[in-house]
C-alpha atoms as a PDB file:
ATOM      1  CA  MET A   1      -0.069   0.091   0.024  1.00  0.00           C
ATOM      2  CA  THR A   2       1.209   3.687  -0.585  1.00  0.00           C
ATOM      3  CA  GLN A   3       1.148   6.207   2.201  1.00  0.00           C
ATOM      4  CA  THR A   4      -1.984   7.664   1.151  1.00  0.00           C
ATOM      5  CA  GLU A   5      -3.791   4.247   1.220  1.00  0.00           C
ATOM      6  CA  THR A   6      -2.507   3.669   4.702  1.00  0.00           C
ATOM      7  CA  ASP A   7      -2.971   7.046   6.136  1.00  0.00           C
ATOM      8  CA  GLN A   8       0.572   6.562   7.426  1.00  0.00           C
ATOM      9  CA  GLN A   9       2.331   9.417   9.010  1.00  0.00           C
ATOM     10  CA  PRO A  10       5.998  10.207   9.673  1.00  0.00           C
ATOM     11  CA  PRO A  11       7.485   8.169  12.548  1.00  0.00           C
ATOM     12  CA  ALA A  12       7.949   9.888  15.706  1.00  0.00           C
ATOM     13  CA  THR A  13      11.289  10.696  16.911  1.00  0.00           C
ATOM     14  CA  VAL A  14      12.482   9.587  20.414  1.00  0.00           C
ATOM     15  CA  ARG A  15      12.525  13.071  22.795  1.00  0.00           C
ATOM     16  CA  SER A  16      13.917  11.218  25.940  1.00  0.00           C
ATOM     17  CA  ARG A  17      14.075   7.501  27.347  1.00  0.00           C
ATOM     18  CA  VAL A  18      14.305   6.888  31.475  1.00  0.00           C
ATOM     19  CA  ARG A  19      14.208   3.743  33.202  1.00  0.00           C
ATOM     20  CA  ILE A  20      11.709   3.596  36.120  1.00  0.00           C
ATOM     21  CA  PRO A  21      11.025   0.755  38.192  1.00  0.00           C
ATOM     22  CA  LEU A  22       7.341  -0.201  38.456  1.00  0.00           C
ATOM     23  CA  THR A  23       5.635  -1.742  41.516  1.00  0.00           C
ATOM     24  CA  PHE A  24       1.903  -2.492  41.647  1.00  0.00           C
ATOM     25  CA  PRO A  25      -0.362  -2.860  44.770  1.00  0.00           C
ATOM     26  CA  ASP A  26      -0.217  -6.716  44.403  1.00  0.00           C
ATOM     27  CA  GLY A  27       3.573  -6.486  44.764  1.00  0.00           C
ATOM     28  CA  PHE A  28       4.266  -7.202  41.103  1.00  0.00           C
ATOM     29  CA  ARG A  29       7.706  -5.308  40.192  1.00  0.00           C
ATOM     30  CA  VAL A  30       9.175  -4.831  36.770  1.00  0.00           C
ATOM     31  CA  GLU A  31      11.500  -2.290  35.466  1.00  0.00           C
ATOM     32  CA  ALA A  32      10.512  -0.263  32.205  1.00  0.00           C
ATOM     33  CA  GLU A  33      12.118   2.030  30.081  1.00  0.00           C
ATOM     34  CA  VAL A  34       9.911   4.980  29.291  1.00  0.00           C
ATOM     35  CA  PHE A  35      10.121   7.170  26.002  1.00  0.00           C
ATOM     36  CA  THR A  36       8.814  10.306  25.184  1.00  0.00           C
ATOM     37  CA  PHE A  37       8.559  11.634  21.638  1.00  0.00           C
ATOM     38  CA  HIS A  38       8.830  14.345  19.134  1.00  0.00           C
ATOM     39  CA  GLY A  39       6.597  14.681  16.194  1.00  0.00           C
ATOM     40  CA  LEU A  40       3.027  13.133  17.502  1.00  0.00           C
ATOM     41  CA  THR A  41       0.243  14.674  15.204  1.00  0.00           C
ATOM     42  CA  ASP A  42      -1.939  15.458  18.033  1.00  0.00           C
ATOM     43  CA  GLY A  43       0.463  17.041  20.461  1.00  0.00           C
ATOM     44  CA  ALA A  44      -0.275  15.251  23.345  1.00  0.00           C
ATOM     45  CA  GLU A  45       2.218  13.844  26.148  1.00  0.00           C
ATOM     46  CA  HIS A  46       1.716   9.969  25.048  1.00  0.00           C
ATOM     47  CA  LEU A  47       4.307   7.445  26.366  1.00  0.00           C
ATOM     48  CA  ALA A  48       5.713   4.064  25.362  1.00  0.00           C
ATOM     49  CA  LEU A  49       7.027   1.650  28.012  1.00  0.00           C
ATOM     50  CA  ALA A  50       9.619  -0.875  26.914  1.00  0.00           C
ATOM     51  CA  LEU A  51       9.292  -3.986  29.140  1.00  0.00           C
ATOM     52  CA  GLY A  52      11.192  -7.180  28.944  1.00  0.00           C
ATOM     53  CA  ASP A  53      13.600  -8.176  26.181  1.00  0.00           C
ATOM     54  CA  THR A  54      12.580  -5.915  23.181  1.00  0.00           C
ATOM     55  CA  ASP A  55      15.651  -6.619  21.175  1.00  0.00           C
ATOM     56  CA  GLY A  56      15.205 -10.457  21.497  1.00  0.00           C
ATOM     57  CA  ALA A  57      11.410 -10.697  21.343  1.00  0.00           C
ATOM     58  CA  GLY A  58      11.033 -11.188  17.613  1.00  0.00           C
ATOM     59  CA  ILE A  59       7.562  -9.924  17.207  1.00  0.00           C
ATOM     60  CA  PRO A  60       6.983  -7.587  20.180  1.00  0.00           C
ATOM     61  CA  LEU A  61       3.949  -7.717  22.249  1.00  0.00           C
ATOM     62  CA  VAL A  62       2.006  -4.529  22.212  1.00  0.00           C
ATOM     63  CA  ARG A  63      -0.768  -3.015  24.179  1.00  0.00           C
ATOM     64  CA  LEU A  64      -2.593   0.186  23.526  1.00  0.00           C
ATOM     65  CA  HIS A  65      -3.742   1.289  26.611  1.00  0.00           C
ATOM     66  CA  SER A  66      -5.914   4.565  26.794  1.00  0.00           C
ATOM     67  CA  GLU A  67      -5.504   6.630  30.234  1.00  0.00           C
ATOM     68  CA  CYS A  68      -8.095   5.662  32.524  1.00  0.00           C
ATOM     69  CA  LEU A  69      -7.572   7.757  35.991  1.00  0.00           C
ATOM     70  CA  THR A  70     -10.532   6.343  37.665  1.00  0.00           C
ATOM     71  CA  GLY A  71      -9.541   2.608  36.997  1.00  0.00           C
ATOM     72  CA  ASP A  72      -5.444   2.883  36.370  1.00  0.00           C
ATOM     73  CA  VAL A  73      -5.074   5.039  39.746  1.00  0.00           C
ATOM     74  CA  PHE A  74      -8.149   4.821  42.032  1.00  0.00           C
ATOM     75  CA  GLY A  75      -8.948   1.077  41.187  1.00  0.00           C
ATOM     76  CA  SER A  76     -12.472   1.780  40.186  1.00  0.00           C
ATOM     77  CA  ASP A  77     -14.538  -1.293  39.561  1.00  0.00           C
ATOM     78  CA  ARG A  78     -16.670   0.310  36.717  1.00  0.00           C
ATOM     79  CA  CYS A  79     -14.616  -0.656  34.176  1.00  0.00           C
ATOM     80  CA  ASP A  80     -11.635  -3.362  33.353  1.00  0.00           C
ATOM     81  CA  CYS A  81      -8.733  -0.623  32.751  1.00  0.00           C
ATOM     82  CA  GLY A  82      -6.952  -1.201  35.866  1.00  0.00           C
ATOM     83  CA  PRO A  83      -6.710  -4.834  35.887  1.00  0.00           C
ATOM     84  CA  GLN A  84      -6.084  -4.873  32.128  1.00  0.00           C
ATOM     85  CA  LEU A  85      -3.152  -2.665  32.716  1.00  0.00           C
ATOM     86  CA  ARG A  86      -1.724  -4.810  35.566  1.00  0.00           C
ATOM     87  CA  GLU A  87      -2.070  -7.946  33.417  1.00  0.00           C
ATOM     88  CA  SER A  88      -0.698  -6.283  30.323  1.00  0.00           C
ATOM     89  CA  VAL A  89       2.589  -5.037  31.852  1.00  0.00           C
ATOM     90  CA  GLU A  90       3.184  -8.519  33.217  1.00  0.00           C
ATOM     91  CA  ARG A  91       2.664 -10.390  29.925  1.00  0.00           C
ATOM     92  CA  ILE A  92       4.326  -7.774  27.900  1.00  0.00           C
ATOM     93  CA  ALA A  93       7.516  -8.195  30.372  1.00  0.00           C
ATOM     94  CA  GLU A  94       7.451 -12.009  29.787  1.00  0.00           C
ATOM     95  CA  ALA A  95       7.328 -11.779  26.155  1.00  0.00           C
ATOM     96  CA  GLY A  96       9.220  -8.527  25.427  1.00  0.00           C
ATOM     97  CA  GLY A  97       7.552  -5.659  23.995  1.00  0.00           C
ATOM     98  CA  TYR A  98       5.894  -2.213  24.416  1.00  0.00           C
ATOM     99  CA  LEU A  99       2.847  -0.673  26.548  1.00  0.00           C
ATOM    100  CA  VAL A 100       1.935   2.623  24.722  1.00  0.00           C
ATOM    101  CA  TYR A 101      -0.041   4.277  27.034  1.00  0.00           C
ATOM    102  CA  LEU A 102      -2.339   7.249  25.301  1.00  0.00           C
ATOM    103  CA  ARG A 103      -3.615  10.139  26.886  1.00  0.00           C
ATOM    104  CA  GLN A 104      -7.208   9.594  25.821  1.00  0.00           C
ATOM    105  CA  GLU A 105      -9.276   9.582  28.899  1.00  0.00           C
ATOM    106  CA  GLY A 106     -12.855   8.232  28.368  1.00  0.00           C
ATOM    107  CA  ARG A 107     -12.346   7.029  24.844  1.00  0.00           C
ATOM    108  CA  GLY A 108     -11.101  10.577  23.936  1.00  0.00           C
ATOM    109  CA  ILE A 109     -13.921  12.473  25.558  1.00  0.00           C
ATOM    110  CA  GLY A 110     -11.957  13.586  28.653  1.00  0.00           C
ATOM    111  CA  LEU A 111     -12.226  13.081  32.349  1.00  0.00           C
ATOM    112  CA  TYR A 112     -15.071  15.361  33.343  1.00  0.00           C
ATOM    113  CA  ASN A 113     -17.247  14.293  30.367  1.00  0.00           C
ATOM    114  CA  LYS A 114     -16.510  10.377  31.438  1.00  0.00           C
ATOM    115  CA  LEU A 115     -17.726  11.257  34.519  1.00  0.00           C
ATOM    116  CA  ASP A 116     -20.854  12.996  33.411  1.00  0.00           C
ATOM    117  CA  ALA A 117     -21.317   9.907  31.187  1.00  0.00           C
ATOM    118  CA  TYR A 118     -21.032   7.778  34.457  1.00  0.00           C
ATOM    119  CA  ALA A 119     -24.089   9.813  35.787  1.00  0.00           C
ATOM    120  CA  LEU A 120     -26.138   9.101  32.736  1.00  0.00           C
ATOM    121  CA  GLN A 121     -25.059   5.237  32.955  1.00  0.00           C
ATOM    122  CA  ASP A 122     -26.581   5.117  36.487  1.00  0.00           C
ATOM    123  CA  THR A 123     -29.730   6.187  34.897  1.00  0.00           C
ATOM    124  CA  GLY A 124     -29.856   3.173  32.668  1.00  0.00           C
ATOM    125  CA  LEU A 125     -27.810   4.120  29.579  1.00  0.00           C
ATOM    126  CA  ASP A 126     -24.964   1.962  28.656  1.00  0.00           C
ATOM    127  CA  THR A 127     -21.476   3.439  28.090  1.00  0.00           C
ATOM    128  CA  TYR A 128     -22.086   4.409  24.357  1.00  0.00           C
ATOM    129  CA  GLN A 129     -25.329   5.825  24.715  1.00  0.00           C
ATOM    130  CA  ALA A 130     -24.055   8.091  27.457  1.00  0.00           C
ATOM    131  CA  ASN A 131     -21.458   9.643  25.359  1.00  0.00           C
ATOM    132  CA  THR A 132     -23.947  10.076  22.409  1.00  0.00           C
ATOM    133  CA  ALA A 133     -26.438  11.587  24.842  1.00  0.00           C
ATOM    134  CA  LEU A 134     -23.789  14.168  25.753  1.00  0.00           C
ATOM    135  CA  GLY A 135     -23.544  14.686  22.084  1.00  0.00           C
ATOM    136  CA  LEU A 136     -20.098  13.200  22.065  1.00  0.00           C
ATOM    137  CA  PRO A 137     -18.517  10.286  19.887  1.00  0.00           C
ATOM    138  CA  GLU A 138     -19.378   6.953  21.221  1.00  0.00           C
ATOM    139  CA  ASP A 139     -15.543   6.360  20.795  1.00  0.00           C
ATOM    140  CA  GLY A 140     -13.384   9.236  19.780  1.00  0.00           C
ATOM    141  CA  ARG A 141      -9.870   7.475  19.917  1.00  0.00           C
ATOM    142  CA  ASP A 142      -7.602   7.996  17.097  1.00  0.00           C
ATOM    143  CA  TYR A 143      -4.428   5.712  17.010  1.00  0.00           C
ATOM    144  CA  THR A 144      -2.307   7.871  14.634  1.00  0.00           C
ATOM    145  CA  ALA A 145       0.128   8.841  17.625  1.00  0.00           C
ATOM    146  CA  ALA A 146       0.537   5.245  18.654  1.00  0.00           C
ATOM    147  CA  ALA A 147       1.453   4.096  15.180  1.00  0.00           C
ATOM    148  CA  GLN A 148       3.815   7.137  14.839  1.00  0.00           C
ATOM    149  CA  MET A 149       5.478   5.943  18.329  1.00  0.00           C
ATOM    150  CA  LEU A 150       5.944   2.157  17.334  1.00  0.00           C
ATOM    151  CA  ALA A 151       7.205   3.215  13.938  1.00  0.00           C
ATOM    152  CA  GLY A 152       9.678   5.347  15.673  1.00  0.00           C
ATOM    153  CA  LEU A 153      10.807   2.497  18.078  1.00  0.00           C
ATOM    154  CA  GLY A 154      11.143   0.284  14.985  1.00  0.00           C
ATOM    155  CA  ALA A 155       8.294  -1.837  16.044  1.00  0.00           C
ATOM    156  CA  THR A 156       6.519  -2.006  12.621  1.00  0.00           C
ATOM    157  CA  THR A 157       5.018  -5.549  12.798  1.00  0.00           C
ATOM    158  CA  VAL A 158       3.507  -6.270  16.176  1.00  0.00           C
ATOM    159  CA  ALA A 159       1.514  -8.803  18.324  1.00  0.00           C
ATOM    160  CA  LEU A 160      -1.531  -6.851  19.732  1.00  0.00           C
ATOM    161  CA  LEU A 161      -2.599  -7.321  23.216  1.00  0.00           C
ATOM    162  CA  SER A 162      -6.286  -6.427  22.744  1.00  0.00           C
ATOM    163  CA  ASN A 163     -10.018  -7.470  22.616  1.00  0.00           C
ATOM    164  CA  ASN A 164     -10.822  -4.231  20.456  1.00  0.00           C
ATOM    165  CA  PRO A 165     -10.901  -5.228  16.516  1.00  0.00           C
ATOM    166  CA  ASP A 166     -10.953  -1.365  16.102  1.00  0.00           C
ATOM    167  CA  LYS A 167      -7.293  -0.872  17.446  1.00  0.00           C
ATOM    168  CA  ALA A 168      -5.865  -3.383  14.997  1.00  0.00           C
ATOM    169  CA  GLU A 169      -7.822  -1.856  12.005  1.00  0.00           C
ATOM    170  CA  GLN A 170      -6.725   1.512  12.770  1.00  0.00           C
ATOM    171  CA  LEU A 171      -3.048   0.504  13.140  1.00  0.00           C
ATOM    172  CA  ALA A 172      -3.087  -1.587   9.866  1.00  0.00           C
ATOM    173  CA  ARG A 173      -4.410   1.425   7.904  1.00  0.00           C
ATOM    174  CA  LEU A 174      -1.560   3.581   9.887  1.00  0.00           C
ATOM    175  CA  GLY A 175       1.187   1.347   8.489  1.00  0.00           C
ATOM    176  CA  ILE A 176       1.900  -0.928  11.497  1.00  0.00           C
ATOM    177  CA  GLU A 177       1.226  -4.845  10.605  1.00  0.00           C
ATOM    178  CA  VAL A 178      -0.650  -6.619  13.271  1.00  0.00           C
ATOM    179  CA  ALA A 179       0.682 -10.126  13.085  1.00  0.00           C
ATOM    180  CA  GLU A 180      -1.543 -11.494  15.551  1.00  0.00           C
ATOM    181  CA  ARG A 181      -4.358  -9.960  17.962  1.00  0.00           C
ATOM    182  CA  VAL A 182      -3.958 -11.482  21.438  1.00  0.00           C
ATOM    183  CA  PRO A 183      -6.977 -11.168  23.677  1.00  0.00           C
ATOM    184  CA  THR A 184      -6.473  -9.984  27.443  1.00  0.00           C
ATOM    185  CA  GLY A 185      -8.198 -11.982  30.227  1.00  0.00           C
ATOM    186  CA  VAL A 186     -11.743 -11.296  31.437  1.00  0.00           C
ATOM    187  CA  HIS A 187     -12.066  -8.876  34.567  1.00  0.00           C
ATOM    188  CA  VAL A 188     -15.426  -8.987  35.408  1.00  0.00           C
ATOM    189  CA  SER A 189     -17.034  -7.461  38.487  1.00  0.00           C
ATOM    190  CA  ALA A 190     -20.546  -6.858  39.636  1.00  0.00           C
ATOM    191  CA  SER A 191     -19.923  -3.135  39.000  1.00  0.00           C
ATOM    192  CA  ASN A 192     -18.378  -3.501  35.376  1.00  0.00           C
ATOM    193  CA  VAL A 193     -20.665  -6.654  33.785  1.00  0.00           C
ATOM    194  CA  ARG A 194     -22.930  -4.015  32.112  1.00  0.00           C
ATOM    195  CA  TYR A 195     -20.109  -2.097  30.448  1.00  0.00           C
ATOM    196  CA  LEU A 196     -18.297  -5.292  29.401  1.00  0.00           C
ATOM    197  CA  ARG A 197     -21.345  -6.640  27.680  1.00  0.00           C
ATOM    198  CA  ALA A 198     -21.810  -3.385  25.907  1.00  0.00           C
ATOM    199  CA  LYS A 199     -18.242  -3.778  24.502  1.00  0.00           C
ATOM    200  CA  VAL A 200     -19.311  -7.164  23.292  1.00  0.00           C
ATOM    201  CA  GLU A 201     -22.387  -6.482  21.895  1.00  0.00           C
ATOM    202  CA  HIS A 202     -22.042  -3.064  20.444  1.00  0.00           C
ATOM    203  CA  THR A 203     -18.284  -2.883  18.990  1.00  0.00           C
ATOM    204  CA  GLY A 204     -17.296  -6.754  18.862  1.00  0.00           C
ATOM    205  CA  HIS A 205     -14.938  -6.785  21.486  1.00  0.00           C
ATOM    206  CA  SER A 206     -13.426 -10.413  21.997  1.00  0.00           C
ATOM    207  CA  ILE A 207     -14.455 -11.055  25.479  1.00  0.00           C
ATOM    208  CA  PRO A 208     -16.137 -14.487  26.311  1.00  0.00           C
ATOM    209  CA  LEU A 209     -18.695 -12.769  28.647  1.00  0.00           C
ATOM    210  CA  ALA A 210     -21.340 -15.067  27.926  1.00  0.00           C
ATOM    211  CA  ARG A 211     -19.706 -18.094  28.767  1.00  0.00           C
ATOM    212  CA  LEU A 212     -18.618 -16.516  32.379  1.00  0.00           C
ATOM    213  CA  VAL A 213     -21.738 -14.567  33.435  1.00  0.00           C
ATOM    214  CA  GLY A 214     -24.712 -16.263  31.247  1.00  0.00           C
END
């Protein structure tokens, strides 16, 4: 494909790199090499964390993880973001690859809007209906910057750790070959089962929810 056909943008360039030891609440520890970048099309402060042996990994395992303050930091049970982040770091560290941490709170609608959407969900709307009721996109995320970061790191062919088919489709259009899409585990709770069911039924996420909760 040509650049026009794939929507491919120039690779980002590495701005800085620093090693950071990570410790999770359950005691799991790993060292990450954290990259910042110049040249990202959206101008946001996205990060890439190299985990494990990226040089010897062959095809790196990659997770595109959208920032979720409530789930990643405060441990909210309304979504599965925090558990997915924890799982992804360990699995990528074992396989060798990158966690791409994207500043896309609330599927790109921002923190305050996400909390407004939560209030609407409490009235019976699902996560997508709540966004559209606010006049916002169901999912406003664009993965152009993620593709630029991966290209800048030389990871132009990846195994994608994701249940979301849109991530793989966008990366392919942006010039990143997805050799395999690897599902995450299912992190279900009483508080997030409606949220997970909406992702399965509305956007085709590969979560075997029916087998687990009926």
